[in-house]
Amino acid sequence: MNNLLDSINDIKDIKKLKINELEKLSGEIREFLINTVSKTGGHLASNLGVVELTIALHYVFDSPEDKLIWDVGHQSYVHKILTGRKKQMDTIRQFGGLSGFPKRSESEHDVFETGHSSTSISAALGFVNARDIKGEDYSVVSIIGDGALTGGMALEAINNAGRKKSNMIVILNDNEMSISKNVGSISSYLNRVRTGTAYYTAKRGIETAISKIPIVGNSMVRFIRKTKESLKTFLVNGGMLFEEFGFRYIGPIDGHSIDDLIDVLERVKKIEAPVMVHVHTKKGKGYLPAEKKPDVFHGVGKFDVKTGKSLDKSSISFSKVFGSKMVELAEENKNLVAITAAMAGGTGLAEFEKKFPKRFVDVGIAEQHGVTLAAGMASNGMVPVFALYSSFMQRAYDQLVHDVALQNLHVVLCIDRAGIVGRDGETHQGVFDSAFLYQIPNVTVMSPVDASDLENMLEWAVNEGTGPVVIRYPRGYVDSSLPEKREGFGNTEILKEGKDITLVSFGKLVHDAMRASEMLGKEGIEAGVVALKTIKPISRELIIEEGQKTGKILFVDETVKYGSVGRLLYDFLPDGVELRLHTLPDDFIEHGSVEELFAKYKLDGEGISEIVLKWLRNG
């Protein structure tokens, strides 16, 4: 039997297929996705859930003339396959290969870049406004998940878009998940709609039945369609939330029925008003391990297709260390509360949630709300610990300044995925947090080198800290290469004395500085290594002392060039101590493994030693 996917090299090819062929194609795409992602790693469950939806979208609309905007963008793999990138899919998220998210430089079909959630409706409305002002004629479709709909920005956009009198289509991809299980009133509302009478399905059934009535049937159907509220009021008022915002609501629709999807999309693209199409899908569909554990297969490394088991090495991550220590601290401190933004599993708080459900808060994809919620709890005597990713902390900067730091409230922010995170690329690299954190008054910023540092810092922050405390730590496994018993966790620590140069760094880069020192030793160069445990307030005395011993300091920092913590050293280093900064460039950092990116930007041991040798030998 011919493989249909082999014949799909461009979106025009799927428009030639019949409905039953499209259904066969969806199965082939699922098999292709499973086999590909098992070798590359990536976002699997979400893409398995949107196969039919993506096929239907490209069958009905004419990309790139019509604009398809994918919220978050991690579910765009099928879109990439259908738009001429099938043969490159084995490079997805690999260094120099396809991005795991929409990328304008990659294809004309990727009309807007995404990576964070809840942005697509705002972007789509921008396209619509520009289209209408210029008098152009094309469709604009935003595809957003029910998890992303909990983000305030999405609701702001819906509120703004409802007043439009021209076509704009929002596809609500309702799979009952973001990364973790969805929470909140909107999730509960969608569940009631989902489990109630399916308006669109029932409407089609009634129209079909009425149309068969001799002589008057078709006239009655036309009358019903013209009477805006008739069937909807009679059958279900589940979509009234969106109707009140000014959207026409259609759904819920079976997101795995290509026939229904095509029929609905053909209809809604003709409506001169904002339309919300509620599509119900199953995350992980077609691969049993992903259906059973969609959160595990949301973002996955290499795995065995037959068993679904990970092929990655099993080691202790900073997230795991954080989660275990939180459980331990909560046993003793009854005021300790854990907060997450739809990422209990990713941040290591799943066990805390099970053991202390009353002291666990999942705010959904709402980092801004999460920070101010924590501020309110701190104001009333609780000790809130909000765990979130570095790149998502960018969204809550104002709340940290205005609601936490200004009032000097005891809120602990545990920032996971700090520094280079790897294969998720530009939108997820945590290379800005130290830059925007050290500027804020009252905030203490700490950066552990290893597991014991993180445990000690967290215990201090919860039980002894005052005011806002931020602990930032990297993605991935803990490097245990340093001696277990060292100096205090919160101090600047001299790991190695030097005579020729002093390497100063913080976080996981300290290990690379140590490796560089060892390499330089083989070249006859004695390089000291100083680890900053607290990067704000910075410990000046030891840095000055070590700098005066060698006369040269190389500050190594995986932060963007103009945000480096090392710039603080210019304020207090005495004359006679030369300072140079070795940072990331003034640019966004692409995708690739952490090791590949460290090598490219010379942040690994080899790269740091090369920088030092050039300095000492060439000036």
Foldseek 3Di string as FASTA:
>chain_A
DDQLLVVQQALVSLLPDDQVVLLSNLLVVLVLLLVLCLAAFAFRQLQNWQSLVLNLCSNQFPPPQAAEAEFLFLNCPNVCSNHRCVVQSSCELAVVGHDSGQDVVVDSNSVDTHRHGQCQLVVQVVVVVVCVVVVHDHAYEYEHELLSCLEPNNVVSLLVQLVAQAEYEYEYEYQCADLAGHDDDSSVLVVVQVPFDWLQVVLVVVLVVQLPPPPCSVVVSVVVVVPQCVSPVVGHCSVVVSVVSNAAEHGDDASSNSVVSNVVVNVRNPHGGYYYHRYYTHGNPPQVVCSVNVSDSRTAHNADSVPRHHPDDDFDKLLQLVQVLLQVVCVPDVLEAEEEASCCPVNNNPVVCVVPVVRYYHSGNYLQVRLLVQLVSQVVPGAYEYEDELLSVVVNLCCCQPRFLVVLGLYEYEYEAAFQQFSNFQSRGNQCRLLSQQVHPNEWEFEFAFSVLSSVVVVCSRPPDTGYYYYYARTDHTDPPADPDADDSQAKGWRFAFQAEEEEEEYNLLVQVVLLQVVVVVVVGHYTYIYHGILVVTDQPVVLVRQQRRLEYEYEGAHEDVRDSQVVNVVDHDPSRYYDYQYHYNDGTGHHGPVVSCVVSLSGSVSVNVVVCCVVPVD
